[in-house]
Every structure is written in C-alpha cells, then in structure tokens.
Amino acid sequence: MAGKRTVTDVPERRRFELEIDGTIAGFVTYSTYPGIIAFNHTETDPAFAGQGVGGDLAREALDAARARNLTVWPRCPFIRSWIERHPDYADLVDPNWSPEHEPAHGHHHS
C-alpha cells in the first residue's frame, strides 16, 4: 500500500520536499526572482525509486508556481523533460528562457 505523501515548500531551504510516511523521498531546489521561480535540481531517494517521486515533485512544484502566478525557469533537466511530457504545464515556462540563455531579470523596467 502506498504511503501518505505530502509535498511541502520549505523556503528556508529553498526547496520543495516530498515526504512519504514522514521520510523525505525527494526534493526540488529553487531560486526566486521577481515574478520568477527557477527550478535548479531534483533529487530523489533511491529507496523510493519507481514510485513516481520525481513526477509528484514536478507537478506540485509547478502547481505552486501557477498558484503564485510565477513564471518558471526549468534549469533542472528532469523538470524540463517532465514539462515536455505534460504540455498543459508548458505555459508556465518563460518563453525567453533556454538552457543556454537566461533573460536578465529585473532589468527591463526603466
């Protein structure tokens, strides 16, 4: 039987953490800029491999970005590939962002 899953935003650690029955099974680290959240790195505990931990994290983190009206910079290759498989989340991604190039943030307001 699947354990109880909770995803929590932990701002002091700048990451979303997924717990299964009280054990941290994975997390996504992020950085924030005005109007933007950049997802930097996704890590999952090998003990929970194959249980969809990364996907749950991606979905919850992106849902949180949407709820806060933030634009996403998917620096993390895992998050990037997850968004490609779930095109209903593609509208969250900054159209000017690419893995090779990040727009200068906060400089276009004169």
PDB file of N, CA and C in Angstrom:
ATOM      1  N   MET A   1       0.840  -1.196   0.000  1.00  0.00           N
ATOM      2  CA  MET A   1       0.000   0.000   0.000  1.00  0.00           C
ATOM      3  C   MET A   1       0.879   1.252   0.000  1.00  0.00           C
ATOM      4  N   ALA A   2       0.478   2.203  -0.803  1.00  0.00           N
ATOM      5  CA  ALA A   2       1.290   3.428  -0.929  1.00  0.00           C
ATOM      6  C   ALA A   2       1.214   4.245   0.366  1.00  0.00           C
ATOM      7  N   GLY A   3       2.345   4.798   0.735  1.00  0.00           N
ATOM      8  CA  GLY A   3       2.385   5.613   1.943  1.00  0.00           C
ATOM      9  C   GLY A   3       1.770   6.973   1.712  1.00  0.00           C
ATOM     10  N   LYS A   4       1.553   7.686   2.798  1.00  0.00           N
ATOM     11  CA  LYS A   4       0.994   9.027   2.717  1.00  0.00           C
ATOM     12  C   LYS A   4       2.050   9.997   2.177  1.00  0.00           C
ATOM     13  N   ARG A   5       1.665  10.747   1.165  1.00  0.00           N
ATOM     14  CA  ARG A   5       2.600  11.667   0.512  1.00  0.00           C
ATOM     15  C   ARG A   5       2.210  13.102   0.809  1.00  0.00           C
ATOM     16  N   THR A   6       3.189  13.893   1.170  1.00  0.00           N
ATOM     17  CA  THR A   6       2.955  15.325   1.296  1.00  0.00           C
ATOM     18  C   THR A   6       4.118  16.058   0.658  1.00  0.00           C
ATOM     19  N   VAL A   7       3.801  17.115  -0.069  1.00  0.00           N
ATOM     20  CA  VAL A   7       4.829  17.975  -0.622  1.00  0.00           C
ATOM     21  C   VAL A   7       4.745  19.308   0.106  1.00  0.00           C
ATOM     22  N   THR A   8       5.882  19.755   0.616  1.00  0.00           N
ATOM     23  CA  THR A   8       5.931  20.988   1.400  1.00  0.00           C
ATOM     24  C   THR A   8       6.969  21.920   0.814  1.00  0.00           C
ATOM     25  N   ASP A   9       6.589  23.189   0.699  1.00  0.00           N
ATOM     26  CA  ASP A   9       7.559  24.208   0.319  1.00  0.00           C
ATOM     27  C   ASP A   9       8.311  24.604   1.582  1.00  0.00           C
ATOM     28  N   VAL A  10       9.645  24.493   1.554  1.00  0.00           N
ATOM     29  CA  VAL A  10      10.462  24.831   2.718  1.00  0.00           C
ATOM     30  C   VAL A  10      11.338  26.030   2.326  1.00  0.00           C
ATOM     31  N   PRO A  11      10.794  27.258   2.485  1.00  0.00           N
ATOM     32  CA  PRO A  11      11.510  28.430   1.960  1.00  0.00           C
ATOM     33  C   PRO A  11      12.899  28.605   2.551  1.00  0.00           C
ATOM     34  N   GLU A  12      13.086  28.240   3.817  1.00  0.00           N
ATOM     35  CA  GLU A  12      14.418  28.457   4.413  1.00  0.00           C
ATOM     36  C   GLU A  12      15.468  27.543   3.797  1.00  0.00           C
ATOM     37  N   ARG A  13      15.030  26.432   3.203  1.00  0.00           N
ATOM     38  CA  ARG A  13      15.968  25.567   2.473  1.00  0.00           C
ATOM     39  C   ARG A  13      15.848  25.758   0.970  1.00  0.00           C
ATOM     40  N   ARG A  14      14.927  26.653   0.564  1.00  0.00           N
ATOM     41  CA  ARG A  14      14.669  26.927  -0.856  1.00  0.00           C
ATOM     42  C   ARG A  14      14.449  25.635  -1.630  1.00  0.00           C
ATOM     43  N   ARG A  15      13.514  24.834  -1.124  1.00  0.00           N
ATOM     44  CA  ARG A  15      13.197  23.610  -1.847  1.00  0.00           C
ATOM     45  C   ARG A  15      11.797  23.116  -1.485  1.00  0.00           C
ATOM     46  N   PHE A  16      11.219  22.376  -2.407  1.00  0.00           N
ATOM     47  CA  PHE A  16      10.012  21.612  -2.151  1.00  0.00           C
ATOM     48  C   PHE A  16      10.443  20.209  -1.761  1.00  0.00           C
ATOM     49  N   GLU A  17       9.877  19.709  -0.670  1.00  0.00           N
ATOM     50  CA  GLU A  17      10.234  18.368  -0.194  1.00  0.00           C
ATOM     51  C   GLU A  17       9.011  17.459  -0.276  1.00  0.00           C
ATOM     52  N   LEU A  18       9.233  16.241  -0.759  1.00  0.00           N
ATOM     53  CA  LEU A  18       8.175  15.234  -0.779  1.00  0.00           C
ATOM     54  C   LEU A  18       8.457  14.212   0.311  1.00  0.00           C
ATOM     55  N   GLU A  19       7.505  14.065   1.212  1.00  0.00           N
ATOM     56  CA  GLU A  19       7.639  13.058   2.265  1.00  0.00           C
ATOM     57  C   GLU A  19       6.683  11.913   1.995  1.00  0.00           C
ATOM     58  N   ILE A  20       7.160  10.715   2.216  1.00  0.00           N
ATOM     59  CA  ILE A  20       6.308   9.524   2.191  1.00  0.00           C
ATOM     60  C   ILE A  20       6.386   8.903   3.580  1.00  0.00           C
ATOM     61  N   ASP A  21       5.255   8.900   4.257  1.00  0.00           N
ATOM     62  CA  ASP A  21       5.205   8.402   5.637  1.00  0.00           C
ATOM     63  C   ASP A  21       6.277   9.052   6.507  1.00  0.00           C
ATOM     64  N   GLY A  22       6.477  10.344   6.337  1.00  0.00           N
ATOM     65  CA  GLY A  22       7.389  11.077   7.213  1.00  0.00           C
ATOM     66  C   GLY A  22       8.853  11.019   6.814  1.00  0.00           C
ATOM     67  N   THR A  23       9.186  10.281   5.750  1.00  0.00           N
ATOM     68  CA  THR A  23      10.565  10.224   5.270  1.00  0.00           C
ATOM     69  C   THR A  23      10.686  11.083   4.019  1.00  0.00           C
ATOM     70  N   ILE A  24      11.716  11.928   3.956  1.00  0.00           N
ATOM     71  CA  ILE A  24      11.913  12.733   2.762  1.00  0.00           C
ATOM     72  C   ILE A  24      12.363  11.823   1.620  1.00  0.00           C
ATOM     73  N   ALA A  25      11.493  11.723   0.609  1.00  0.00           N
ATOM     74  CA  ALA A  25      11.759  10.823  -0.522  1.00  0.00           C
ATOM     75  C   ALA A  25      12.400  11.571  -1.677  1.00  0.00           C
ATOM     76  N   GLY A  26      12.296  12.887  -1.661  1.00  0.00           N
ATOM     77  CA  GLY A  26      12.906  13.661  -2.733  1.00  0.00           C
ATOM     78  C   GLY A  26      12.652  15.131  -2.519  1.00  0.00           C
ATOM     79  N   PHE A  27      13.355  15.952  -3.311  1.00  0.00           N
ATOM     80  CA  PHE A  27      13.145  17.391  -3.217  1.00  0.00           C
ATOM     81  C   PHE A  27      13.545  18.064  -4.518  1.00  0.00           C
ATOM     82  N   VAL A  28      13.005  19.256  -4.700  1.00  0.00           N
ATOM     83  CA  VAL A  28      13.356  20.118  -5.833  1.00  0.00           C
ATOM     84  C   VAL A  28      13.859  21.429  -5.238  1.00  0.00           C
ATOM     85  N   THR A  29      15.067  21.832  -5.615  1.00  0.00           N
ATOM     86  CA  THR A  29      15.580  23.114  -5.138  1.00  0.00           C
ATOM     87  C   THR A  29      15.204  24.214  -6.121  1.00  0.00           C
ATOM     88  N   TYR A  30      15.074  25.429  -5.599  1.00  0.00           N
ATOM     89  CA  TYR A  30      14.674  26.533  -6.465  1.00  0.00           C
ATOM     90  C   TYR A  30      15.343  27.822  -6.040  1.00  0.00           C
ATOM     91  N   SER A  31      15.331  28.780  -6.964  1.00  0.00           N
ATOM     92  CA  SER A  31      15.710  30.165  -6.676  1.00  0.00           C
ATOM     93  C   SER A  31      14.546  31.025  -7.120  1.00  0.00           C
ATOM     94  N   THR A  32      14.332  32.150  -6.446  1.00  0.00           N
ATOM     95  CA  THR A  32      13.257  33.036  -6.870  1.00  0.00           C
ATOM     96  C   THR A  32      13.816  34.404  -7.234  1.00  0.00           C
ATOM     97  N   TYR A  33      13.204  34.981  -8.235  1.00  0.00           N
ATOM     98  CA  TYR A  33      13.471  36.345  -8.678  1.00  0.00           C
ATOM     99  C   TYR A  33      12.105  37.022  -8.800  1.00  0.00           C
ATOM    100  N   PRO A  34      12.071  38.326  -9.000  1.00  0.00           N
ATOM    101  CA  PRO A  34      10.749  38.974  -9.102  1.00  0.00           C
ATOM    102  C   PRO A  34       9.894  38.332 -10.205  1.00  0.00           C
ATOM    103  N   GLY A  35       8.801  37.701  -9.810  1.00  0.00           N
ATOM    104  CA  GLY A  35       7.880  37.103 -10.762  1.00  0.00           C
ATOM    105  C   GLY A  35       8.324  35.777 -11.338  1.00  0.00           C
ATOM    106  N   ILE A  36       9.468  35.259 -10.879  1.00  0.00           N
ATOM    107  CA  ILE A  36      10.060  34.061 -11.485  1.00  0.00           C
ATOM    108  C   ILE A  36      10.471  33.069 -10.404  1.00  0.00           C
ATOM    109  N   ILE A  37      10.255  31.782 -10.691  1.00  0.00           N
ATOM    110  CA  ILE A  37      10.855  30.736  -9.866  1.00  0.00           C
ATOM    111  C   ILE A  37      11.678  29.846 -10.789  1.00  0.00           C
ATOM    112  N   ALA A  38      12.927  29.643 -10.439  1.00  0.00           N
ATOM    113  CA  ALA A  38      13.831  28.797 -11.222  1.00  0.00           C
ATOM    114  C   ALA A  38      14.011  27.485 -10.468  1.00  0.00           C
ATOM    115  N   PHE A  39      13.673  26.377 -11.117  1.00  0.00           N
ATOM    116  CA  PHE A  39      13.878  25.057 -10.505  1.00  0.00           C
ATOM    117  C   PHE A  39      15.259  24.562 -10.894  1.00  0.00           C
ATOM    118  N   ASN A  40      16.108  24.367  -9.900  1.00  0.00           N
ATOM    119  CA  ASN A  40      17.529  24.132 -10.140  1.00  0.00           C
ATOM    120  C   ASN A  40      17.902  22.666 -10.209  1.00  0.00           C
ATOM    121  N   HIS A  41      17.312  21.855  -9.334  1.00  0.00           N
ATOM    122  CA  HIS A  41      17.814  20.488  -9.183  1.00  0.00           C
ATOM    123  C   HIS A  41      16.732  19.640  -8.527  1.00  0.00           C
ATOM    124  N   THR A  42      16.544  18.448  -9.058  1.00  0.00           N
ATOM    125  CA  THR A  42      15.605  17.492  -8.463  1.00  0.00           C
ATOM    126  C   THR A  42      16.405  16.287  -7.995  1.00  0.00           C
ATOM    127  N   GLU A  43      16.148  15.881  -6.773  1.00  0.00           N
ATOM    128  CA  GLU A  43      16.851  14.720  -6.233  1.00  0.00           C
ATOM    129  C   GLU A  43      15.826  13.794  -5.587  1.00  0.00           C
ATOM    130  N   THR A  44      15.941  12.501  -5.868  1.00  0.00           N
ATOM    131  CA  THR A  44      15.038  11.544  -5.239  1.00  0.00           C
ATOM    132  C   THR A  44      15.845  10.462  -4.551  1.00  0.00           C
ATOM    133  N   ASP A  45      15.310   9.963  -3.450  1.00  0.00           N
ATOM    134  CA  ASP A  45      15.980   8.916  -2.695  1.00  0.00           C
ATOM    135  C   ASP A  45      15.843   7.599  -3.452  1.00  0.00           C
ATOM    136  N   PRO A  46      16.983   6.932  -3.750  1.00  0.00           N
ATOM    137  CA  PRO A  46      16.905   5.658  -4.484  1.00  0.00           C
ATOM    138  C   PRO A  46      16.006   4.631  -3.806  1.00  0.00           C
ATOM    139  N   ALA A  47      15.828   4.743  -2.496  1.00  0.00           N
ATOM    140  CA  ALA A  47      14.962   3.798  -1.783  1.00  0.00           C
ATOM    141  C   ALA A  47      13.518   3.884  -2.281  1.00  0.00           C
ATOM    142  N   PHE A  48      13.163   5.035  -2.883  1.00  0.00           N
ATOM    143  CA  PHE A  48      11.792   5.218  -3.355  1.00  0.00           C
ATOM    144  C   PHE A  48      11.720   5.197  -4.878  1.00  0.00           C
ATOM    145  N   ALA A  49      12.752   4.635  -5.514  1.00  0.00           N
ATOM    146  CA  ALA A  49      12.787   4.591  -6.978  1.00  0.00           C
ATOM    147  C   ALA A  49      11.551   3.897  -7.532  1.00  0.00           C
ATOM    148  N   GLY A  50      11.075   4.388  -8.672  1.00  0.00           N
ATOM    149  CA  GLY A  50       9.953   3.748  -9.336  1.00  0.00           C
ATOM    150  C   GLY A  50       8.605   4.065  -8.732  1.00  0.00           C
ATOM    151  N   GLN A  51       8.563   4.985  -7.747  1.00  0.00           N
ATOM    152  CA  GLN A  51       7.293   5.319  -7.108  1.00  0.00           C
ATOM    153  C   GLN A  51       6.758   6.673  -7.561  1.00  0.00           C
ATOM    154  N   GLY A  52       7.339   7.209  -8.625  1.00  0.00           N
ATOM    155  CA  GLY A  52       6.818   8.455  -9.163  1.00  0.00           C
ATOM    156  C   GLY A  52       7.134   9.672  -8.324  1.00  0.00           C
ATOM    157  N   VAL A  53       8.186   9.570  -7.506  1.00  0.00           N
ATOM    158  CA  VAL A  53       8.531  10.678  -6.605  1.00  0.00           C
ATOM    159  C   VAL A  53       8.861  11.942  -7.397  1.00  0.00           C
ATOM    160  N   GLY A  54       9.700  11.791  -8.419  1.00  0.00           N
ATOM    161  CA  GLY A  54      10.091  12.956  -9.207  1.00  0.00           C
ATOM    162  C   GLY A  54       8.901  13.617  -9.881  1.00  0.00           C
ATOM    163  N   GLY A  55       8.017  12.799 -10.434  1.00  0.00           N
ATOM    164  CA  GLY A  55       6.836  13.341 -11.094  1.00  0.00           C
ATOM    165  C   GLY A  55       5.928  14.071 -10.131  1.00  0.00           C
ATOM    166  N   ASP A  56       5.738  13.504  -8.946  1.00  0.00           N
ATOM    167  CA  ASP A  56       4.925  14.177  -7.934  1.00  0.00           C
ATOM    168  C   ASP A  56       5.533  15.524  -7.570  1.00  0.00           C
ATOM    169  N   LEU A  57       6.858  15.535  -7.403  1.00  0.00           N
ATOM    170  CA  LEU A  57       7.543  16.780  -7.058  1.00  0.00           C
ATOM    171  C   LEU A  57       7.381  17.811  -8.160  1.00  0.00           C
ATOM    172  N   ALA A  58       7.593  17.379  -9.398  1.00  0.00           N
ATOM    173  CA  ALA A  58       7.475  18.305 -10.526  1.00  0.00           C
ATOM    174  C   ALA A  58       6.075  18.899 -10.570  1.00  0.00           C
ATOM    175  N   ARG A  59       5.064  18.050 -10.458  1.00  0.00           N
ATOM    176  CA  ARG A  59       3.684  18.521 -10.552  1.00  0.00           C
ATOM    177  C   ARG A  59       3.365  19.510  -9.425  1.00  0.00           C
ATOM    178  N   GLU A  60       3.733  19.139  -8.198  1.00  0.00           N
ATOM    179  CA  GLU A  60       3.405  20.003  -7.056  1.00  0.00           C
ATOM    180  C   GLU A  60       4.154  21.332  -7.128  1.00  0.00           C
ATOM    181  N   ALA A  61       5.438  21.277  -7.520  1.00  0.00           N
ATOM    182  CA  ALA A  61       6.231  22.498  -7.603  1.00  0.00           C
ATOM    183  C   ALA A  61       5.669  23.420  -8.685  1.00  0.00           C
ATOM    184  N   LEU A  62       5.279  22.823  -9.821  1.00  0.00           N
ATOM    185  CA  LEU A  62       4.726  23.630 -10.915  1.00  0.00           C
ATOM    186  C   LEU A  62       3.336  24.149 -10.564  1.00  0.00           C
ATOM    187  N   ASP A  63       2.554  23.329  -9.857  1.00  0.00           N
ATOM    188  CA  ASP A  63       1.246  23.812  -9.398  1.00  0.00           C
ATOM    189  C   ASP A  63       1.413  25.003  -8.459  1.00  0.00           C
ATOM    190  N   ALA A  64       2.430  24.932  -7.601  1.00  0.00           N
ATOM    191  CA  ALA A  64       2.687  26.048  -6.681  1.00  0.00           C
ATOM    192  C   ALA A  64       3.094  27.294  -7.454  1.00  0.00           C
ATOM    193  N   ALA A  65       3.925  27.111  -8.485  1.00  0.00           N
ATOM    194  CA  ALA A  65       4.321  28.255  -9.307  1.00  0.00           C
ATOM    195  C   ALA A  65       3.087  28.881  -9.954  1.00  0.00           C
ATOM    196  N   ARG A  66       2.194  28.033 -10.467  1.00  0.00           N
ATOM    197  CA  ARG A  66       0.984  28.537 -11.112  1.00  0.00           C
ATOM    198  C   ARG A  66       0.113  29.288 -10.108  1.00  0.00           C
ATOM    199  N   ALA A  67      -0.033  28.707  -8.922  1.00  0.00           N
ATOM    200  CA  ALA A  67      -0.881  29.327  -7.899  1.00  0.00           C
ATOM    201  C   ALA A  67      -0.350  30.704  -7.497  1.00  0.00           C
ATOM    202  N   ARG A  68       0.965  30.875  -7.575  1.00  0.00           N
ATOM    203  CA  ARG A  68       1.582  32.153  -7.187  1.00  0.00           C
ATOM    204  C   ARG A  68       1.797  33.085  -8.376  1.00  0.00           C
ATOM    205  N   ASN A  69       1.294  32.663  -9.552  1.00  0.00           N
ATOM    206  CA  ASN A  69       1.464  33.461 -10.773  1.00  0.00           C
ATOM    207  C   ASN A  69       2.929  33.735 -11.083  1.00  0.00           C
ATOM    208  N   LEU A  70       3.777  32.723 -10.880  1.00  0.00           N
ATOM    209  CA  LEU A  70       5.200  32.860 -11.178  1.00  0.00           C
ATOM    210  C   LEU A  70       5.515  32.208 -12.525  1.00  0.00           C
ATOM    211  N   THR A  71       6.453  32.792 -13.223  1.00  0.00           N
ATOM    212  CA  THR A  71       6.979  32.206 -14.450  1.00  0.00           C
ATOM    213  C   THR A  71       8.117  31.257 -14.068  1.00  0.00           C
ATOM    214  N   VAL A  72       8.236  30.162 -14.804  1.00  0.00           N
ATOM    215  CA  VAL A  72       9.192  29.106 -14.453  1.00  0.00           C
ATOM    216  C   VAL A  72      10.415  29.126 -15.364  1.00  0.00           C
ATOM    217  N   TRP A  73      11.583  29.007 -14.754  1.00  0.00           N
ATOM    218  CA  TRP A  73      12.825  28.711 -15.474  1.00  0.00           C
ATOM    219  C   TRP A  73      13.214  27.281 -15.123  1.00  0.00           C
ATOM    220  N   PRO A  74      13.010  26.319 -16.020  1.00  0.00           N
ATOM    221  CA  PRO A  74      13.303  24.915 -15.689  1.00  0.00           C
ATOM    222  C   PRO A  74      14.771  24.569 -15.918  1.00  0.00           C
ATOM    223  N   ARG A  75      15.633  25.083 -15.042  1.00  0.00           N
ATOM    224  CA  ARG A  75      17.064  24.762 -15.161  1.00  0.00           C
ATOM    225  C   ARG A  75      17.311  23.270 -15.005  1.00  0.00           C
ATOM    226  N   CYS A  76      16.500  22.618 -14.204  1.00  0.00           N
ATOM    227  CA  CYS A  76      16.673  21.187 -13.933  1.00  0.00           C
ATOM    228  C   CYS A  76      16.226  20.373 -15.149  1.00  0.00           C
ATOM    229  N   PRO A  77      17.110  19.537 -15.709  1.00  0.00           N
ATOM    230  CA  PRO A  77      16.735  18.740 -16.893  1.00  0.00           C
ATOM    231  C   PRO A  77      15.533  17.833 -16.640  1.00  0.00           C
ATOM    232  N   PHE A  78      15.397  17.343 -15.411  1.00  0.00           N
ATOM    233  CA  PHE A  78      14.259  16.479 -15.102  1.00  0.00           C
ATOM    234  C   PHE A  78      12.955  17.265 -15.215  1.00  0.00           C
ATOM    235  N   ILE A  79      12.919  18.444 -14.619  1.00  0.00           N
ATOM    236  CA  ILE A  79      11.713  19.280 -14.685  1.00  0.00           C
ATOM    237  C   ILE A  79      11.413  19.627 -16.149  1.00  0.00           C
ATOM    238  N   ARG A  80      12.475  19.933 -16.897  1.00  0.00           N
ATOM    239  CA  ARG A  80      12.300  20.294 -18.301  1.00  0.00           C
ATOM    240  C   ARG A  80      11.649  19.146 -19.071  1.00  0.00           C
ATOM    241  N   SER A  81      12.159  17.936 -18.876  1.00  0.00           N
ATOM    242  CA  SER A  81      11.608  16.800 -19.623  1.00  0.00           C
ATOM    243  C   SER A  81      10.194  16.470 -19.136  1.00  0.00           C
ATOM    244  N   TRP A  82       9.925  16.688 -17.842  1.00  0.00           N
ATOM    245  CA  TRP A  82       8.577  16.428 -17.323  1.00  0.00           C
ATOM    246  C   TRP A  82       7.576  17.378 -17.977  1.00  0.00           C
ATOM    247  N   ILE A  83       7.949  18.648 -18.103  1.00  0.00           N
ATOM    248  CA  ILE A  83       7.068  19.625 -18.745  1.00  0.00           C
ATOM    249  C   ILE A  83       6.817  19.224 -20.202  1.00  0.00           C
ATOM    250  N   GLU A  84       7.849  18.719 -20.878  1.00  0.00           N
ATOM    251  CA  GLU A  84       7.663  18.284 -22.271  1.00  0.00           C
ATOM    252  C   GLU A  84       6.644  17.156 -22.361  1.00  0.00           C
ATOM    253  N   ARG A  85       6.582  16.317 -21.347  1.00  0.00           N
ATOM    254  CA  ARG A  85       5.612  15.214 -21.356  1.00  0.00           C
ATOM    255  C   ARG A  85       4.233  15.661 -20.877  1.00  0.00           C
ATOM    256  N   HIS A  86       4.148  16.834 -20.278  1.00  0.00           N
ATOM    257  CA  HIS A  86       2.879  17.346 -19.758  1.00  0.00           C
ATOM    258  C   HIS A  86       2.667  18.753 -20.313  1.00  0.00           C
ATOM    259  N   PRO A  87       2.262  18.827 -21.592  1.00  0.00           N
ATOM    260  CA  PRO A  87       2.230  20.125 -22.262  1.00  0.00           C
ATOM    261  C   PRO A  87       1.262  21.124 -21.635  1.00  0.00           C
ATOM    262  N   ASP A  88       0.349  20.637 -20.782  1.00  0.00           N
ATOM    263  CA  ASP A  88      -0.543  21.593 -20.117  1.00  0.00           C
ATOM    264  C   ASP A  88       0.205  22.459 -19.100  1.00  0.00           C
ATOM    265  N   TYR A  89       1.471  22.128 -18.834  1.00  0.00           N
ATOM    266  CA  TYR A  89       2.281  22.968 -17.940  1.00  0.00           C
ATOM    267  C   TYR A  89       3.231  23.876 -18.717  1.00  0.00           C
ATOM    268  N   ALA A  90       3.274  23.710 -20.043  1.00  0.00           N
ATOM    269  CA  ALA A  90       4.261  24.444 -20.837  1.00  0.00           C
ATOM    270  C   ALA A  90       4.059  25.952 -20.767  1.00  0.00           C
ATOM    271  N   ASP A  91       2.810  26.380 -20.513  1.00  0.00           N
ATOM    272  CA  ASP A  91       2.541  27.820 -20.484  1.00  0.00           C
ATOM    273  C   ASP A  91       3.192  28.511 -19.289  1.00  0.00           C
ATOM    274  N   LEU A  92       3.667  27.722 -18.321  1.00  0.00           N
ATOM    275  CA  LEU A  92       4.337  28.314 -17.153  1.00  0.00           C
ATOM    276  C   LEU A  92       5.758  28.758 -17.469  1.00  0.00           C
ATOM    277  N   VAL A  93       6.358  28.145 -18.498  1.00  0.00           N
ATOM    278  CA  VAL A  93       7.778  28.375 -18.757  1.00  0.00           C
ATOM    279  C   VAL A  93       7.978  29.713 -19.466  1.00  0.00           C
ATOM    280  N   ASP A  94       8.957  30.461 -19.009  1.00  0.00           N
ATOM    281  CA  ASP A  94       9.316  31.736 -19.626  1.00  0.00           C
ATOM    282  C   ASP A  94       9.709  31.480 -21.087  1.00  0.00           C
ATOM    283  N   PRO A  95       8.989  32.063 -22.053  1.00  0.00           N
ATOM    284  CA  PRO A  95       9.306  31.779 -23.460  1.00  0.00           C
ATOM    285  C   PRO A  95      10.678  32.300 -23.875  1.00  0.00           C
ATOM    286  N   ASN A  96      11.237  33.215 -23.102  1.00  0.00           N
ATOM    287  CA  ASN A  96      12.558  33.761 -23.424  1.00  0.00           C
ATOM    288  C   ASN A  96      13.699  32.976 -22.791  1.00  0.00           C
ATOM    289  N   TRP A  97      13.333  31.961 -21.997  1.00  0.00           N
ATOM    290  CA  TRP A  97      14.361  31.184 -21.296  1.00  0.00           C
ATOM    291  C   TRP A  97      14.796  30.011 -22.166  1.00  0.00           C
ATOM    292  N   SER A  98      16.074  29.670 -22.104  1.00  0.00           N
ATOM    293  CA  SER A  98      16.552  28.422 -22.692  1.00  0.00           C
ATOM    294  C   SER A  98      17.690  27.907 -21.823  1.00  0.00           C
ATOM    295  N   PRO A  99      18.035  26.622 -21.934  1.00  0.00           N
ATOM    296  CA  PRO A  99      19.119  26.076 -21.092  1.00  0.00           C
ATOM    297  C   PRO A  99      20.437  26.827 -21.296  1.00  0.00           C
ATOM    298  N   GLU A 100      20.624  27.385 -22.484  1.00  0.00           N
ATOM    299  CA  GLU A 100      21.888  28.076 -22.764  1.00  0.00           C
ATOM    300  C   GLU A 100      21.832  29.553 -22.371  1.00  0.00           C
ATOM    301  N   HIS A 101      20.608  30.076 -22.201  1.00  0.00           N
ATOM    302  CA  HIS A 101      20.493  31.524 -22.043  1.00  0.00           C
ATOM    303  C   HIS A 101      19.348  31.856 -21.097  1.00  0.00           C
ATOM    304  N   GLU A 102      19.642  32.644 -20.098  1.00  0.00           N
ATOM    305  CA  GLU A 102      18.593  33.147 -19.218  1.00  0.00           C
ATOM    306  C   GLU A 102      18.422  34.637 -19.475  1.00  0.00           C
ATOM    307  N   PRO A 103      17.173  35.081 -19.564  1.00  0.00           N
ATOM    308  CA  PRO A 103      16.961  36.526 -19.706  1.00  0.00           C
ATOM    309  C   PRO A 103      17.471  37.244 -18.462  1.00  0.00           C
ATOM    310  N   ALA A 104      17.954  38.441 -18.642  1.00  0.00           N
ATOM    311  CA  ALA A 104      18.307  39.250 -17.470  1.00  0.00           C
ATOM    312  C   ALA A 104      17.015  39.571 -16.748  1.00  0.00           C
ATOM    313  N   HIS A 105      16.938  39.280 -15.458  1.00  0.00           N
ATOM    314  CA  HIS A 105      15.695  39.525 -14.742  1.00  0.00           C
ATOM    315  C   HIS A 105      15.787  40.869 -14.013  1.00  0.00           C
ATOM    316  N   GLY A 106      14.667  41.555 -14.057  1.00  0.00           N
ATOM    317  CA  GLY A 106      14.554  42.785 -13.282  1.00  0.00           C
ATOM    318  C   GLY A 106      15.234  43.975 -13.908  1.00  0.00           C
ATOM    319  N   HIS A 107      15.723  43.844 -15.162  1.00  0.00           N
ATOM    320  CA  HIS A 107      16.430  44.967 -15.760  1.00  0.00           C
ATOM    321  C   HIS A 107      15.617  45.666 -16.838  1.00  0.00           C
ATOM    322  N   HIS A 108      14.481  45.104 -17.218  1.00  0.00           N
ATOM    323  CA  HIS A 108      13.758  45.700 -18.329  1.00  0.00           C
ATOM    324  C   HIS A 108      12.741  46.742 -17.879  1.00  0.00           C
ATOM    325  N   HIS A 109      12.699  47.050 -16.591  1.00  0.00           N
ATOM    326  CA  HIS A 109      11.843  48.149 -16.140  1.00  0.00           C
ATOM    327  C   HIS A 109      12.694  49.382 -15.951  1.00  0.00           C
ATOM    328  N   SER A 110      12.479  50.371 -16.806  1.00  0.00           N
ATOM    329  CA  SER A 110      13.329  51.568 -16.710  1.00  0.00           C
ATOM    330  C   SER A 110      12.745  52.540 -15.684  1.00  0.00           C
TER     331      SER A 110
END
